[in-house]
Amino acid sequence: MPELIRLYIRQCFIGFGIAIAFVGMLYAFDIGGLWSLVSHSDEAVLVTAMLVISNAVVFCGVQFAIAIMRMAEPEDKDTPRGGTRARTPRLQPSPIPVVRRPRKRGPDLQERHLV
């Protein structure tokens, strides 16, 4: 069996165990009255199986992602990463033409400001 498949199966077992522990803690601490609700139900086994399986999907995925991310090689902080550094642009002022409009003076301008 390939190493990656073994890693995935191992991480899924760990995630499944975490999911069982999580649901057990939900029941033990009676979060939101969950244990009271499930213990008085006829479908307690079905509800518990649904909780464990849905949490197992999440925890298995997270556990596998953590395992994959930990496989990365550590970066060397002393060596440069390569490539060339981008030049710093030289900023020069550009002349902006100033366009001035002649001001109108008269009764129509004053009337617009009053309204």
N, C-alpha and C. Protein backbone atom coordinates (compact mmCIF):
# COMPACT_ATOMS: atom_id res chain seq x y z
N MET A 1 0.85 -1.17 0.00
CA MET A 1 0.00 0.00 0.00
C MET A 1 0.90 1.24 0.00
N PRO A 2 0.59 2.24 -0.80
CA PRO A 2 1.43 3.44 -0.85
C PRO A 2 1.44 4.18 0.50
N GLU A 3 2.53 4.88 0.72
CA GLU A 3 2.73 5.57 1.99
C GLU A 3 1.66 6.65 2.22
N LEU A 4 1.26 7.33 1.15
CA LEU A 4 0.26 8.39 1.30
C LEU A 4 -1.09 7.83 1.74
N ILE A 5 -1.45 6.67 1.22
CA ILE A 5 -2.73 6.05 1.61
C ILE A 5 -2.68 5.62 3.08
N ARG A 6 -1.54 5.06 3.49
CA ARG A 6 -1.39 4.69 4.91
C ARG A 6 -1.48 5.91 5.81
N LEU A 7 -0.86 7.00 5.36
CA LEU A 7 -0.92 8.24 6.13
C LEU A 7 -2.36 8.73 6.25
N TYR A 8 -3.11 8.68 5.15
CA TYR A 8 -4.49 9.13 5.16
C TYR A 8 -5.35 8.27 6.09
N ILE A 9 -5.19 6.97 6.02
CA ILE A 9 -5.99 6.07 6.87
C ILE A 9 -5.65 6.29 8.34
N ARG A 10 -4.37 6.45 8.63
CA ARG A 10 -3.95 6.69 10.01
C ARG A 10 -4.54 8.00 10.54
N GLN A 11 -4.51 9.05 9.73
CA GLN A 11 -5.05 10.33 10.16
C GLN A 11 -6.57 10.28 10.29
N CYS A 12 -7.22 9.47 9.46
CA CYS A 12 -8.68 9.31 9.58
C CYS A 12 -9.05 8.60 10.88
N PHE A 13 -8.27 7.62 11.28
CA PHE A 13 -8.52 6.97 12.57
C PHE A 13 -8.35 7.95 13.72
N ILE A 14 -7.33 8.78 13.64
CA ILE A 14 -7.11 9.78 14.68
C ILE A 14 -8.27 10.78 14.70
N GLY A 15 -8.69 11.25 13.53
CA GLY A 15 -9.82 12.18 13.45
C GLY A 15 -11.11 11.56 13.94
N PHE A 16 -11.31 10.28 13.66
CA PHE A 16 -12.51 9.58 14.14
C PHE A 16 -12.50 9.48 15.65
N GLY A 17 -11.33 9.21 16.23
CA GLY A 17 -11.20 9.17 17.69
C GLY A 17 -11.47 10.53 18.32
N ILE A 18 -10.99 11.59 17.68
CA ILE A 18 -11.26 12.93 18.18
C ILE A 18 -12.75 13.24 18.10
N ALA A 19 -13.41 12.79 17.04
CA ALA A 19 -14.85 13.02 16.90
C ALA A 19 -15.64 12.29 17.99
N ILE A 20 -15.23 11.08 18.30
CA ILE A 20 -15.91 10.33 19.37
C ILE A 20 -15.71 11.04 20.71
N ALA A 21 -14.50 11.51 20.96
CA ALA A 21 -14.23 12.23 22.20
C ALA A 21 -15.02 13.54 22.25
N PHE A 22 -15.14 14.21 21.11
CA PHE A 22 -15.88 15.48 21.05
C PHE A 22 -17.36 15.28 21.35
N VAL A 23 -17.96 14.27 20.73
CA VAL A 23 -19.37 13.99 20.99
C VAL A 23 -19.57 13.54 22.43
N GLY A 24 -18.62 12.76 22.95
CA GLY A 24 -18.69 12.36 24.35
C GLY A 24 -18.65 13.56 25.29
N MET A 25 -17.81 14.54 24.96
CA MET A 25 -17.76 15.75 25.79
C MET A 25 -19.03 16.58 25.64
N LEU A 26 -19.60 16.60 24.43
CA LEU A 26 -20.88 17.29 24.26
C LEU A 26 -21.95 16.68 25.16
N TYR A 27 -21.97 15.37 25.21
CA TYR A 27 -22.95 14.69 26.06
C TYR A 27 -22.61 14.86 27.53
N ALA A 28 -21.34 14.77 27.90
CA ALA A 28 -20.93 14.83 29.30
C ALA A 28 -21.21 16.20 29.91
N PHE A 29 -20.95 17.26 29.15
CA PHE A 29 -21.18 18.61 29.68
C PHE A 29 -22.60 19.11 29.40
N ASP A 30 -23.39 18.30 28.71
CA ASP A 30 -24.79 18.60 28.40
C ASP A 30 -24.93 19.98 27.77
N ILE A 31 -24.14 20.20 26.72
CA ILE A 31 -24.14 21.48 26.02
C ILE A 31 -25.49 21.67 25.35
N GLY A 32 -26.16 22.76 25.68
CA GLY A 32 -27.46 23.07 25.08
C GLY A 32 -28.53 22.04 25.41
N GLY A 33 -28.36 21.30 26.49
CA GLY A 33 -29.34 20.28 26.85
C GLY A 33 -29.36 19.11 25.90
N LEU A 34 -28.21 18.86 25.23
CA LEU A 34 -28.16 17.82 24.21
C LEU A 34 -28.33 16.43 24.81
N TRP A 35 -27.66 16.15 25.93
CA TRP A 35 -27.77 14.83 26.54
C TRP A 35 -29.19 14.59 27.04
N SER A 36 -29.81 15.61 27.61
CA SER A 36 -31.19 15.47 28.08
C SER A 36 -32.12 15.17 26.93
N LEU A 37 -31.88 15.81 25.80
CA LEU A 37 -32.73 15.61 24.63
C LEU A 37 -32.52 14.22 24.02
N VAL A 38 -31.27 13.79 23.90
CA VAL A 38 -30.97 12.50 23.28
C VAL A 38 -31.35 11.34 24.19
N SER A 39 -31.15 11.49 25.49
CA SER A 39 -31.43 10.37 26.39
C SER A 39 -32.92 10.05 26.49
N HIS A 40 -33.78 11.01 26.21
CA HIS A 40 -35.22 10.76 26.27
C HIS A 40 -35.81 10.49 24.89
N SER A 41 -34.96 10.27 23.89
CA SER A 41 -35.44 10.04 22.54
C SER A 41 -35.39 8.56 22.21
N ASP A 42 -36.25 8.13 21.27
CA ASP A 42 -36.24 6.75 20.82
C ASP A 42 -35.09 6.49 19.83
N GLU A 43 -34.64 7.52 19.14
CA GLU A 43 -33.58 7.37 18.15
C GLU A 43 -32.23 7.87 18.67
N ALA A 44 -31.90 7.56 19.89
CA ALA A 44 -30.66 8.06 20.49
C ALA A 44 -29.43 7.50 19.76
N VAL A 45 -29.50 6.25 19.35
CA VAL A 45 -28.36 5.64 18.65
C VAL A 45 -28.16 6.29 17.29
N LEU A 46 -29.24 6.55 16.59
CA LEU A 46 -29.15 7.19 15.29
C LEU A 46 -28.60 8.61 15.40
N VAL A 47 -29.08 9.35 16.39
CA VAL A 47 -28.60 10.72 16.59
C VAL A 47 -27.11 10.73 16.94
N THR A 48 -26.71 9.82 17.81
CA THR A 48 -25.30 9.75 18.19
C THR A 48 -24.43 9.36 16.99
N ALA A 49 -24.91 8.41 16.19
CA ALA A 49 -24.14 8.01 15.00
C ALA A 49 -24.03 9.17 14.02
N MET A 50 -25.10 9.93 13.85
CA MET A 50 -25.04 11.08 12.94
C MET A 50 -24.07 12.14 13.45
N LEU A 51 -24.08 12.40 14.74
CA LEU A 51 -23.16 13.37 15.31
C LEU A 51 -21.71 12.93 15.15
N VAL A 52 -21.45 11.65 15.44
CA VAL A 52 -20.08 11.15 15.34
C VAL A 52 -19.60 11.17 13.90
N ILE A 53 -20.42 10.73 12.96
CA ILE A 53 -20.00 10.67 11.56
C ILE A 53 -19.79 12.06 10.98
N SER A 54 -20.71 12.99 11.27
CA SER A 54 -20.54 14.34 10.71
C SER A 54 -19.33 15.04 11.31
N ASN A 55 -19.07 14.85 12.58
CA ASN A 55 -17.86 15.44 13.18
C ASN A 55 -16.61 14.70 12.72
N ALA A 56 -16.72 13.41 12.46
CA ALA A 56 -15.56 12.65 11.99
C ALA A 56 -15.12 13.13 10.62
N VAL A 57 -16.06 13.49 9.77
CA VAL A 57 -15.69 14.01 8.44
C VAL A 57 -14.86 15.27 8.60
N VAL A 58 -15.29 16.16 9.48
CA VAL A 58 -14.57 17.41 9.69
C VAL A 58 -13.20 17.15 10.31
N PHE A 59 -13.17 16.38 11.39
CA PHE A 59 -11.92 16.17 12.10
C PHE A 59 -10.93 15.33 11.30
N CYS A 60 -11.40 14.40 10.49
CA CYS A 60 -10.49 13.63 9.64
C CYS A 60 -9.84 14.53 8.59
N GLY A 61 -10.63 15.40 8.00
CA GLY A 61 -10.08 16.33 7.01
C GLY A 61 -9.07 17.28 7.62
N VAL A 62 -9.38 17.81 8.78
CA VAL A 62 -8.45 18.73 9.45
C VAL A 62 -7.18 18.00 9.86
N GLN A 63 -7.32 16.81 10.39
CA GLN A 63 -6.16 16.05 10.84
C GLN A 63 -5.25 15.71 9.66
N PHE A 64 -5.82 15.34 8.53
CA PHE A 64 -5.01 15.03 7.35
C PHE A 64 -4.34 16.28 6.81
N ALA A 65 -5.06 17.40 6.82
CA ALA A 65 -4.46 18.66 6.35
C ALA A 65 -3.29 19.08 7.23
N ILE A 66 -3.43 18.92 8.52
CA ILE A 66 -2.32 19.25 9.43
C ILE A 66 -1.13 18.34 9.16
N ALA A 67 -1.39 17.06 8.95
CA ALA A 67 -0.30 16.11 8.68
C ALA A 67 0.42 16.46 7.38
N ILE A 68 -0.31 16.83 6.36
CA ILE A 68 0.30 17.20 5.08
C ILE A 68 1.12 18.48 5.23
N MET A 69 0.57 19.47 5.92
CA MET A 69 1.29 20.73 6.08
C MET A 69 2.55 20.58 6.91
N ARG A 70 2.55 19.63 7.83
CA ARG A 70 3.75 19.42 8.64
C ARG A 70 4.86 18.70 7.87
N MET A 71 4.53 18.15 6.70
CA MET A 71 5.53 17.45 5.90
C MET A 71 6.42 18.41 5.12
N ALA A 72 6.09 19.68 5.08
CA ALA A 72 6.88 20.65 4.32
C ALA A 72 8.28 20.77 4.90
N GLU A 73 9.23 21.05 4.02
CA GLU A 73 10.60 21.23 4.49
C GLU A 73 10.72 22.60 5.15
N PRO A 74 11.49 22.67 6.22
CA PRO A 74 11.64 23.97 6.88
C PRO A 74 12.41 24.94 5.99
N GLU A 75 12.02 26.20 6.05
CA GLU A 75 12.69 27.21 5.24
C GLU A 75 13.99 27.62 5.91
N ASP A 76 15.01 27.85 5.09
CA ASP A 76 16.27 28.36 5.62
C ASP A 76 16.15 29.87 5.67
N LYS A 77 16.32 30.43 6.86
CA LYS A 77 16.16 31.87 7.01
C LYS A 77 17.42 32.62 6.56
N ASP A 78 18.57 31.93 6.47
CA ASP A 78 19.82 32.60 6.15
C ASP A 78 20.05 32.78 4.66
N THR A 79 19.45 31.93 3.84
CA THR A 79 19.72 31.99 2.42
C THR A 79 18.64 32.78 1.70
N PRO A 80 19.02 33.52 0.65
CA PRO A 80 17.99 34.24 -0.11
C PRO A 80 17.14 33.27 -0.91
N ARG A 81 15.95 33.66 -1.23
CA ARG A 81 15.03 32.79 -1.96
C ARG A 81 15.28 32.81 -3.45
N GLY A 82 16.18 33.60 -3.91
CA GLY A 82 16.47 33.65 -5.34
C GLY A 82 15.63 34.69 -6.04
N GLY A 83 15.88 34.84 -7.32
CA GLY A 83 15.14 35.83 -8.09
C GLY A 83 15.85 37.18 -8.03
N THR A 84 15.31 38.12 -8.74
CA THR A 84 15.88 39.45 -8.74
C THR A 84 14.91 40.41 -8.08
N ARG A 85 15.47 41.35 -7.40
CA ARG A 85 14.65 42.32 -6.71
C ARG A 85 14.11 43.34 -7.71
N ALA A 86 12.89 43.70 -7.56
CA ALA A 86 12.27 44.66 -8.46
C ALA A 86 12.86 46.05 -8.20
N ARG A 87 13.05 46.80 -9.28
CA ARG A 87 13.58 48.14 -9.13
C ARG A 87 12.56 49.04 -8.47
N THR A 88 13.06 49.96 -7.68
CA THR A 88 12.20 50.95 -7.07
C THR A 88 11.92 52.04 -8.11
N PRO A 89 10.67 52.32 -8.39
CA PRO A 89 10.38 53.32 -9.41
C PRO A 89 10.77 54.72 -8.92
N ARG A 90 11.30 55.50 -9.85
CA ARG A 90 11.65 56.88 -9.52
C ARG A 90 10.45 57.75 -9.88
N LEU A 91 9.98 58.41 -8.89
CA LEU A 91 8.81 59.26 -9.09
C LEU A 91 9.27 60.68 -9.40
N GLN A 92 8.73 61.22 -10.46
CA GLN A 92 9.06 62.58 -10.85
C GLN A 92 7.75 63.35 -10.98
N PRO A 93 7.78 64.59 -10.56
CA PRO A 93 6.55 65.37 -10.68
C PRO A 93 6.24 65.64 -12.15
N SER A 94 5.00 65.51 -12.49
CA SER A 94 4.60 65.79 -13.87
C SER A 94 3.78 67.08 -13.86
N PRO A 95 4.01 67.94 -14.83
CA PRO A 95 3.27 69.20 -14.85
C PRO A 95 1.81 68.94 -15.21
N ILE A 96 0.94 69.50 -14.41
CA ILE A 96 -0.49 69.37 -14.66
C ILE A 96 -0.98 70.73 -15.14
N PRO A 97 -1.56 70.77 -16.30
CA PRO A 97 -2.04 72.07 -16.78
C PRO A 97 -3.22 72.55 -15.94
N VAL A 98 -3.16 73.80 -15.61
CA VAL A 98 -4.23 74.39 -14.82
C VAL A 98 -5.17 75.11 -15.77
N VAL A 99 -6.40 74.74 -15.74
CA VAL A 99 -7.41 75.37 -16.59
C VAL A 99 -8.30 76.20 -15.68
N ARG A 100 -8.32 77.45 -15.91
CA ARG A 100 -9.15 78.32 -15.10
C ARG A 100 -10.32 78.82 -15.93
N ARG A 101 -11.48 78.72 -15.36
CA ARG A 101 -12.67 79.21 -16.02
C ARG A 101 -12.96 80.62 -15.51
N PRO A 102 -13.34 81.44 -16.39
CA PRO A 102 -13.68 82.79 -15.93
C PRO A 102 -14.93 82.77 -15.07
N ARG A 103 -14.90 83.53 -14.00
CA ARG A 103 -16.04 83.59 -13.11
C ARG A 103 -17.09 84.53 -13.68
N LYS A 104 -18.30 84.09 -13.53
CA LYS A 104 -19.40 84.94 -13.96
C LYS A 104 -19.84 85.78 -12.77
N ARG A 105 -19.99 86.99 -13.02
CA ARG A 105 -20.50 87.87 -11.98
C ARG A 105 -21.76 88.53 -12.53
N GLY A 106 -22.74 88.42 -11.78
CA GLY A 106 -23.97 89.03 -12.24
C GLY A 106 -25.14 88.56 -11.41
N PRO A 107 -26.31 88.99 -11.75
CA PRO A 107 -27.50 88.67 -10.94
C PRO A 107 -27.90 87.20 -11.01
N ASP A 108 -27.66 86.54 -12.17
CA ASP A 108 -28.08 85.13 -12.27
C ASP A 108 -27.25 84.22 -11.36
N LEU A 109 -25.98 84.50 -11.12
CA LEU A 109 -25.15 83.70 -10.23
C LEU A 109 -25.58 83.88 -8.79
N GLN A 110 -25.91 85.10 -8.43
CA GLN A 110 -26.32 85.37 -7.07
C GLN A 110 -27.68 84.73 -6.78
N GLU A 111 -28.54 84.70 -7.77
CA GLU A 111 -29.86 84.11 -7.58
C GLU A 111 -29.76 82.59 -7.37
N ARG A 112 -28.83 81.93 -8.03
CA ARG A 112 -28.69 80.49 -7.86
C ARG A 112 -28.22 80.13 -6.46
N HIS A 113 -27.37 80.94 -5.87
CA HIS A 113 -26.89 80.66 -4.53
C HIS A 113 -27.95 80.91 -3.48
N LEU A 114 -28.88 81.75 -3.74
CA LEU A 114 -29.92 82.06 -2.76
C LEU A 114 -30.99 80.99 -2.71
N VAL A 115 -31.19 80.27 -3.79
CA VAL A 115 -32.28 79.32 -3.86
C VAL A 115 -31.92 78.03 -3.18
